[in-house]
Amino acid sequence: MSVVLALLIGVLAATGTALLLQRSLTRIVLGVGLLANAANLLVLAASARPAEAPIVGNDGRLGDPVPQALILTAIVIGFALVSFLLAVAYRAWTISGNDQVEDDIEDRRLAAARRARAAGQGDADAPDPGPPARPAADR
């Protein structure tokens, strides 16, 4: 594997991971696409050297068709995943008018409880209060 190809795979994977950690659904979709391409390039780079097509009757060194089949399958799965994520992002945009991922209220409550415990405000031996009680209308 060449150094340039290894650097390209690393840059694609790092950029895709950084985009996945963003709060915008559009950036998440782009990150998934970049990670899928990085994985395809990694399989291609890790496969055997180029050779003749594995056709009956050919003489010489025959190539392994398994990496090509894996990459073709990964391309189809990646395209389906990106299409689904684009549909979800479009639906979220039509409902809320933006494509930002919202925080979960329960996650905010747990984070505040952890910060309070870390600051020494909470009792370390006290049990976790659990989720807040729902109003009677929601039950």
N, C-alpha and C. Protein backbone atom coordinates (compact mmCIF):
# COMPACT_ATOMS: atom_id res chain seq x y z
N MET A 1 0.86 -1.17 0.00
CA MET A 1 0.00 0.00 0.00
C MET A 1 0.91 1.23 0.00
N SER A 2 0.56 2.19 -0.82
CA SER A 2 1.38 3.40 -0.90
C SER A 2 1.06 4.33 0.28
N VAL A 3 1.99 5.20 0.57
CA VAL A 3 1.83 6.15 1.67
C VAL A 3 0.70 7.13 1.36
N VAL A 4 0.59 7.53 0.10
CA VAL A 4 -0.46 8.47 -0.28
C VAL A 4 -1.84 7.86 -0.07
N LEU A 5 -2.00 6.59 -0.44
CA LEU A 5 -3.28 5.92 -0.25
C LEU A 5 -3.60 5.76 1.23
N ALA A 6 -2.60 5.43 2.04
CA ALA A 6 -2.81 5.31 3.48
C ALA A 6 -3.21 6.67 4.09
N LEU A 7 -2.55 7.74 3.65
CA LEU A 7 -2.91 9.07 4.14
C LEU A 7 -4.32 9.46 3.70
N LEU A 8 -4.69 9.12 2.48
CA LEU A 8 -6.04 9.42 2.00
C LEU A 8 -7.10 8.70 2.82
N ILE A 9 -6.84 7.43 3.11
CA ILE A 9 -7.79 6.66 3.94
C ILE A 9 -7.89 7.28 5.32
N GLY A 10 -6.76 7.65 5.90
CA GLY A 10 -6.77 8.27 7.23
C GLY A 10 -7.50 9.60 7.25
N VAL A 11 -7.28 10.43 6.22
CA VAL A 11 -7.95 11.73 6.16
C VAL A 11 -9.45 11.55 5.97
N LEU A 12 -9.85 10.63 5.10
CA LEU A 12 -11.29 10.38 4.91
C LEU A 12 -11.95 9.89 6.19
N ALA A 13 -11.28 8.96 6.88
CA ALA A 13 -11.85 8.42 8.12
C ALA A 13 -11.91 9.49 9.21
N ALA A 14 -10.86 10.29 9.34
CA ALA A 14 -10.85 11.33 10.37
C ALA A 14 -11.88 12.41 10.08
N THR A 15 -11.99 12.82 8.82
CA THR A 15 -12.98 13.84 8.46
C THR A 15 -14.40 13.31 8.63
N GLY A 16 -14.61 12.05 8.24
CA GLY A 16 -15.94 11.46 8.42
C GLY A 16 -16.32 11.34 9.88
N THR A 17 -15.37 10.97 10.72
CA THR A 17 -15.65 10.89 12.16
C THR A 17 -15.94 12.26 12.74
N ALA A 18 -15.17 13.27 12.34
CA ALA A 18 -15.41 14.63 12.83
C ALA A 18 -16.78 15.13 12.39
N LEU A 19 -17.19 14.82 11.16
CA LEU A 19 -18.51 15.25 10.71
C LEU A 19 -19.63 14.50 11.42
N LEU A 20 -19.39 13.25 11.78
CA LEU A 20 -20.41 12.49 12.51
C LEU A 20 -20.68 13.06 13.89
N LEU A 21 -19.71 13.74 14.46
CA LEU A 21 -19.85 14.29 15.80
C LEU A 21 -20.51 15.66 15.82
N GLN A 22 -20.88 16.18 14.66
CA GLN A 22 -21.54 17.48 14.57
C GLN A 22 -23.02 17.32 14.87
N ARG A 23 -23.70 18.46 15.08
CA ARG A 23 -25.12 18.42 15.43
C ARG A 23 -26.04 18.59 14.22
N SER A 24 -25.49 18.87 13.06
CA SER A 24 -26.29 19.06 11.86
C SER A 24 -26.47 17.72 11.15
N LEU A 25 -27.71 17.41 10.78
CA LEU A 25 -27.97 16.14 10.09
C LEU A 25 -27.30 16.09 8.73
N THR A 26 -27.16 17.23 8.07
CA THR A 26 -26.48 17.26 6.78
C THR A 26 -25.02 16.86 6.93
N ARG A 27 -24.37 17.35 7.95
CA ARG A 27 -22.97 16.98 8.19
C ARG A 27 -22.85 15.52 8.60
N ILE A 28 -23.82 15.01 9.31
CA ILE A 28 -23.80 13.60 9.69
C ILE A 28 -23.90 12.72 8.45
N VAL A 29 -24.76 13.10 7.51
CA VAL A 29 -24.90 12.33 6.27
C VAL A 29 -23.59 12.36 5.48
N LEU A 30 -22.96 13.52 5.39
CA LEU A 30 -21.68 13.61 4.70
C LEU A 30 -20.61 12.78 5.41
N GLY A 31 -20.64 12.76 6.74
CA GLY A 31 -19.68 11.95 7.49
C GLY A 31 -19.85 10.47 7.24
N VAL A 32 -21.09 10.01 7.15
CA VAL A 32 -21.34 8.60 6.86
C VAL A 32 -20.83 8.26 5.46
N GLY A 33 -21.04 9.15 4.51
CA GLY A 33 -20.53 8.91 3.15
C GLY A 33 -19.01 8.85 3.11
N LEU A 34 -18.35 9.74 3.83
CA LEU A 34 -16.89 9.72 3.85
C LEU A 34 -16.35 8.47 4.54
N LEU A 35 -16.99 8.06 5.62
CA LEU A 35 -16.55 6.83 6.29
C LEU A 35 -16.76 5.60 5.41
N ALA A 36 -17.84 5.57 4.66
CA ALA A 36 -18.08 4.45 3.75
C ALA A 36 -17.02 4.40 2.67
N ASN A 37 -16.65 5.55 2.13
CA ASN A 37 -15.60 5.58 1.11
C ASN A 37 -14.24 5.20 1.69
N ALA A 38 -13.98 5.61 2.92
CA ALA A 38 -12.71 5.23 3.56
C ALA A 38 -12.65 3.72 3.76
N ALA A 39 -13.76 3.13 4.17
CA ALA A 39 -13.79 1.67 4.35
C ALA A 39 -13.60 0.94 3.03
N ASN A 40 -14.21 1.44 1.96
CA ASN A 40 -14.04 0.82 0.64
C ASN A 40 -12.59 0.91 0.17
N LEU A 41 -11.97 2.06 0.37
CA LEU A 41 -10.57 2.20 -0.02
C LEU A 41 -9.66 1.31 0.82
N LEU A 42 -9.99 1.15 2.09
CA LEU A 42 -9.20 0.28 2.96
C LEU A 42 -9.26 -1.17 2.50
N VAL A 43 -10.45 -1.64 2.14
CA VAL A 43 -10.57 -3.01 1.63
C VAL A 43 -9.82 -3.16 0.31
N LEU A 44 -9.92 -2.16 -0.55
CA LEU A 44 -9.21 -2.20 -1.82
C LEU A 44 -7.70 -2.21 -1.62
N ALA A 45 -7.21 -1.40 -0.69
CA ALA A 45 -5.77 -1.33 -0.44
C ALA A 45 -5.25 -2.60 0.24
N ALA A 46 -6.09 -3.24 1.04
CA ALA A 46 -5.65 -4.44 1.74
C ALA A 46 -5.77 -5.70 0.89
N SER A 47 -6.44 -5.60 -0.24
CA SER A 47 -6.60 -6.78 -1.10
C SER A 47 -5.29 -7.07 -1.84
N ALA A 48 -5.28 -8.17 -2.55
CA ALA A 48 -4.08 -8.62 -3.25
C ALA A 48 -3.73 -7.68 -4.40
N ARG A 49 -2.56 -7.87 -4.95
CA ARG A 49 -2.10 -7.06 -6.09
C ARG A 49 -2.97 -7.36 -7.32
N PRO A 50 -3.03 -6.43 -8.26
CA PRO A 50 -3.83 -6.66 -9.47
C PRO A 50 -3.32 -7.88 -10.24
N ALA A 51 -4.26 -8.60 -10.82
CA ALA A 51 -3.92 -9.80 -11.59
C ALA A 51 -4.96 -9.97 -12.68
N GLU A 52 -4.88 -11.10 -13.38
CA GLU A 52 -5.84 -11.40 -14.44
C GLU A 52 -7.21 -11.70 -13.85
N ALA A 53 -8.23 -11.48 -14.66
CA ALA A 53 -9.59 -11.79 -14.23
C ALA A 53 -9.73 -13.31 -14.05
N PRO A 54 -10.42 -13.74 -12.98
CA PRO A 54 -10.55 -15.18 -12.74
C PRO A 54 -11.55 -15.83 -13.68
N ILE A 55 -11.17 -15.98 -14.93
CA ILE A 55 -12.02 -16.61 -15.94
C ILE A 55 -11.41 -17.96 -16.29
N VAL A 56 -12.24 -18.97 -16.45
CA VAL A 56 -11.75 -20.31 -16.78
C VAL A 56 -11.05 -20.26 -18.13
N GLY A 57 -9.87 -20.82 -18.20
CA GLY A 57 -9.11 -20.87 -19.43
C GLY A 57 -7.97 -19.87 -19.47
N ASN A 58 -7.96 -18.89 -18.55
CA ASN A 58 -6.85 -17.93 -18.50
C ASN A 58 -5.67 -18.55 -17.79
N ASP A 59 -4.51 -18.31 -18.33
CA ASP A 59 -3.29 -18.77 -17.67
C ASP A 59 -2.66 -17.59 -16.92
N GLY A 60 -1.84 -17.88 -15.97
CA GLY A 60 -1.17 -16.85 -15.21
C GLY A 60 -1.80 -16.66 -13.83
N ARG A 61 -1.40 -15.59 -13.19
CA ARG A 61 -1.87 -15.31 -11.83
C ARG A 61 -3.29 -14.74 -11.89
N LEU A 62 -4.21 -15.38 -11.18
CA LEU A 62 -5.60 -14.95 -11.17
C LEU A 62 -5.87 -14.08 -9.95
N GLY A 63 -6.69 -13.08 -10.13
CA GLY A 63 -7.04 -12.18 -9.04
C GLY A 63 -8.16 -12.76 -8.17
N ASP A 64 -8.20 -12.27 -6.93
CA ASP A 64 -9.24 -12.70 -6.00
C ASP A 64 -10.46 -11.81 -6.17
N PRO A 65 -11.63 -12.36 -6.49
CA PRO A 65 -12.81 -11.52 -6.70
C PRO A 65 -13.53 -11.13 -5.41
N VAL A 66 -13.13 -11.70 -4.27
CA VAL A 66 -13.85 -11.43 -3.02
C VAL A 66 -13.76 -9.96 -2.61
N PRO A 67 -12.57 -9.31 -2.63
CA PRO A 67 -12.55 -7.88 -2.25
C PRO A 67 -13.43 -7.02 -3.15
N GLN A 68 -13.47 -7.32 -4.43
CA GLN A 68 -14.33 -6.55 -5.32
C GLN A 68 -15.80 -6.75 -4.97
N ALA A 69 -16.17 -7.97 -4.64
CA ALA A 69 -17.56 -8.25 -4.26
C ALA A 69 -17.91 -7.55 -2.94
N LEU A 70 -16.96 -7.53 -1.99
CA LEU A 70 -17.21 -6.84 -0.73
C LEU A 70 -17.38 -5.34 -0.94
N ILE A 71 -16.54 -4.76 -1.78
CA ILE A 71 -16.63 -3.32 -2.03
C ILE A 71 -17.93 -2.99 -2.76
N LEU A 72 -18.32 -3.80 -3.73
CA LEU A 72 -19.58 -3.56 -4.44
C LEU A 72 -20.77 -3.63 -3.48
N THR A 73 -20.75 -4.61 -2.59
CA THR A 73 -21.82 -4.72 -1.59
C THR A 73 -21.81 -3.53 -0.65
N ALA A 74 -20.62 -3.09 -0.23
CA ALA A 74 -20.51 -1.94 0.67
C ALA A 74 -20.99 -0.66 -0.01
N ILE A 75 -20.74 -0.53 -1.31
CA ILE A 75 -21.22 0.65 -2.04
C ILE A 75 -22.74 0.69 -2.04
N VAL A 76 -23.36 -0.45 -2.29
CA VAL A 76 -24.83 -0.51 -2.32
C VAL A 76 -25.41 -0.22 -0.94
N ILE A 77 -24.83 -0.81 0.10
CA ILE A 77 -25.32 -0.57 1.46
C ILE A 77 -25.10 0.88 1.86
N GLY A 78 -23.94 1.44 1.52
CA GLY A 78 -23.66 2.84 1.84
C GLY A 78 -24.61 3.78 1.13
N PHE A 79 -24.92 3.49 -0.13
CA PHE A 79 -25.87 4.32 -0.86
C PHE A 79 -27.26 4.25 -0.22
N ALA A 80 -27.67 3.07 0.19
CA ALA A 80 -28.98 2.92 0.83
C ALA A 80 -29.01 3.67 2.17
N LEU A 81 -27.93 3.60 2.93
CA LEU A 81 -27.88 4.28 4.22
C LEU A 81 -27.90 5.80 4.04
N VAL A 82 -27.13 6.30 3.09
CA VAL A 82 -27.11 7.75 2.83
C VAL A 82 -28.48 8.20 2.33
N SER A 83 -29.13 7.42 1.49
CA SER A 83 -30.47 7.77 1.01
C SER A 83 -31.47 7.83 2.16
N PHE A 84 -31.40 6.86 3.06
CA PHE A 84 -32.29 6.86 4.22
C PHE A 84 -32.02 8.06 5.12
N LEU A 85 -30.75 8.36 5.38
CA LEU A 85 -30.42 9.50 6.23
C LEU A 85 -30.83 10.82 5.59
N LEU A 86 -30.71 10.92 4.27
CA LEU A 86 -31.18 12.12 3.59
C LEU A 86 -32.70 12.28 3.72
N ALA A 87 -33.43 11.17 3.65
CA ALA A 87 -34.88 11.23 3.83
C ALA A 87 -35.24 11.65 5.25
N VAL A 88 -34.51 11.13 6.23
CA VAL A 88 -34.75 11.51 7.63
C VAL A 88 -34.42 12.99 7.84
N ALA A 89 -33.31 13.45 7.27
CA ALA A 89 -32.92 14.85 7.40
C ALA A 89 -33.95 15.77 6.74
N TYR A 90 -34.44 15.37 5.57
CA TYR A 90 -35.46 16.18 4.89
C TYR A 90 -36.74 16.23 5.70
N ARG A 91 -37.13 15.11 6.26
CA ARG A 91 -38.35 15.07 7.09
C ARG A 91 -38.19 15.94 8.33
N ALA A 92 -37.03 15.87 8.97
CA ALA A 92 -36.79 16.72 10.14
C ALA A 92 -36.80 18.19 9.76
N TRP A 93 -36.26 18.51 8.58
CA TRP A 93 -36.24 19.90 8.14
C TRP A 93 -37.64 20.40 7.83
N THR A 94 -38.50 19.55 7.23
CA THR A 94 -39.86 19.99 6.92
C THR A 94 -40.69 20.15 8.18
N ILE A 95 -40.41 19.38 9.22
CA ILE A 95 -41.19 19.48 10.46
C ILE A 95 -40.73 20.66 11.31
N SER A 96 -39.41 20.77 11.54
CA SER A 96 -38.91 21.77 12.47
C SER A 96 -38.30 23.00 11.80
N GLY A 97 -37.99 22.94 10.52
CA GLY A 97 -37.41 24.07 9.84
C GLY A 97 -35.89 24.16 9.96
N ASN A 98 -35.26 23.24 10.66
CA ASN A 98 -33.80 23.18 10.73
C ASN A 98 -33.37 21.72 10.75
N ASP A 99 -32.07 21.50 10.61
CA ASP A 99 -31.59 20.12 10.60
C ASP A 99 -30.68 19.82 11.78
N GLN A 100 -30.88 20.54 12.87
CA GLN A 100 -30.07 20.32 14.06
C GLN A 100 -30.65 19.17 14.89
N VAL A 101 -29.77 18.35 15.45
CA VAL A 101 -30.19 17.28 16.34
C VAL A 101 -30.41 17.89 17.72
N GLU A 102 -31.57 17.66 18.28
CA GLU A 102 -31.90 18.25 19.58
C GLU A 102 -31.42 17.35 20.71
N ASP A 103 -31.16 18.00 21.84
CA ASP A 103 -30.80 17.25 23.04
C ASP A 103 -32.03 16.57 23.60
N ASP A 104 -31.80 15.44 24.21
CA ASP A 104 -32.87 14.75 24.91
C ASP A 104 -32.98 15.36 26.31
N ILE A 105 -34.20 15.62 26.77
CA ILE A 105 -34.40 16.26 28.07
C ILE A 105 -33.84 15.37 29.18
N GLU A 106 -33.99 14.08 29.05
CA GLU A 106 -33.48 13.16 30.06
C GLU A 106 -31.95 13.21 30.10
N ASP A 107 -31.31 13.34 28.95
CA ASP A 107 -29.85 13.47 28.92
C ASP A 107 -29.40 14.75 29.62
N ARG A 108 -30.11 15.83 29.42
CA ARG A 108 -29.77 17.08 30.10
C ARG A 108 -29.90 16.93 31.62
N ARG A 109 -30.96 16.25 32.07
CA ARG A 109 -31.17 16.06 33.50
C ARG A 109 -30.06 15.21 34.11
N LEU A 110 -29.69 14.14 33.43
CA LEU A 110 -28.61 13.29 33.93
C LEU A 110 -27.27 14.01 33.93
N ALA A 111 -27.01 14.82 32.92
CA ALA A 111 -25.76 15.58 32.88
C ALA A 111 -25.70 16.60 34.01
N ALA A 112 -26.82 17.24 34.30
CA ALA A 112 -26.85 18.20 35.41
C ALA A 112 -26.64 17.49 36.74
N ALA A 113 -27.21 16.30 36.90
CA ALA A 113 -27.02 15.54 38.13
C ALA A 113 -25.56 15.12 38.28
N ARG A 114 -24.92 14.72 37.19
CA ARG A 114 -23.50 14.35 37.26
C ARG A 114 -22.63 15.54 37.61
N ARG A 115 -22.92 16.71 37.02
CA ARG A 115 -22.15 17.90 37.34
C ARG A 115 -22.32 18.29 38.80
N ALA A 116 -23.55 18.14 39.32
CA ALA A 116 -23.79 18.48 40.72
C ALA A 116 -23.03 17.52 41.64
N ARG A 117 -23.02 16.22 41.29
CA ARG A 117 -22.27 15.26 42.10
C ARG A 117 -20.78 15.52 42.03
N ALA A 118 -20.29 15.88 40.84
CA ALA A 118 -18.85 16.15 40.69
C ALA A 118 -18.44 17.41 41.44
N ALA A 119 -19.33 18.37 41.55
CA ALA A 119 -19.02 19.61 42.27
C ALA A 119 -19.18 19.45 43.77
N GLY A 120 -19.67 18.30 44.23
CA GLY A 120 -19.82 18.05 45.65
C GLY A 120 -21.12 18.55 46.22
N GLN A 121 -22.03 18.99 45.40
CA GLN A 121 -23.31 19.49 45.88
C GLN A 121 -24.26 18.36 46.24
N GLY A 122 -24.13 17.25 45.54
CA GLY A 122 -25.03 16.13 45.79
C GLY A 122 -24.44 15.16 46.79
N ASP A 123 -25.28 14.37 47.43
CA ASP A 123 -24.84 13.35 48.37
C ASP A 123 -24.34 12.15 47.58
N ALA A 124 -23.11 11.74 47.81
CA ALA A 124 -22.52 10.62 47.06
C ALA A 124 -23.21 9.30 47.36
N ASP A 125 -23.79 9.16 48.58
CA ASP A 125 -24.44 7.90 48.94
C ASP A 125 -25.91 7.87 48.56
N ALA A 126 -26.45 8.97 48.09
CA ALA A 126 -27.87 9.01 47.75
C ALA A 126 -28.10 8.26 46.45
N PRO A 127 -29.20 7.52 46.39
CA PRO A 127 -29.50 6.79 45.15
C PRO A 127 -29.91 7.76 44.05
N ASP A 128 -29.78 7.30 42.81
CA ASP A 128 -30.19 8.11 41.67
C ASP A 128 -31.72 8.23 41.72
N PRO A 129 -32.26 9.45 41.60
CA PRO A 129 -33.71 9.62 41.72
C PRO A 129 -34.48 8.99 40.58
N GLY A 130 -33.85 8.66 39.50
CA GLY A 130 -34.56 8.05 38.38
C GLY A 130 -35.22 9.09 37.53
N PRO A 131 -35.99 8.63 36.56
CA PRO A 131 -36.64 9.59 35.66
C PRO A 131 -37.74 10.36 36.39
N PRO A 132 -38.01 11.58 35.94
CA PRO A 132 -39.06 12.36 36.58
C PRO A 132 -40.43 11.73 36.35
N ALA A 133 -41.33 11.97 37.30
CA ALA A 133 -42.69 11.40 37.17
C ALA A 133 -43.42 12.09 36.05
N ARG A 134 -44.15 11.30 35.28
CA ARG A 134 -44.94 11.86 34.18
C ARG A 134 -46.28 12.38 34.71
N PRO A 135 -46.81 13.41 34.10
CA PRO A 135 -48.13 13.89 34.51
C PRO A 135 -49.18 12.81 34.27
N ALA A 136 -50.28 12.92 35.00
CA ALA A 136 -51.34 11.90 34.92
C ALA A 136 -51.94 11.86 33.50
N ALA A 137 -51.91 12.96 32.79
CA ALA A 137 -52.51 12.98 31.45
C ALA A 137 -51.71 12.12 30.47
N ASP A 138 -50.40 11.92 30.72
CA ASP A 138 -49.55 11.14 29.82
C ASP A 138 -49.60 9.65 30.09
N ARG A 139 -50.13 9.24 31.21
CA ARG A 139 -50.11 7.82 31.59
C ARG A 139 -51.12 7.00 30.86
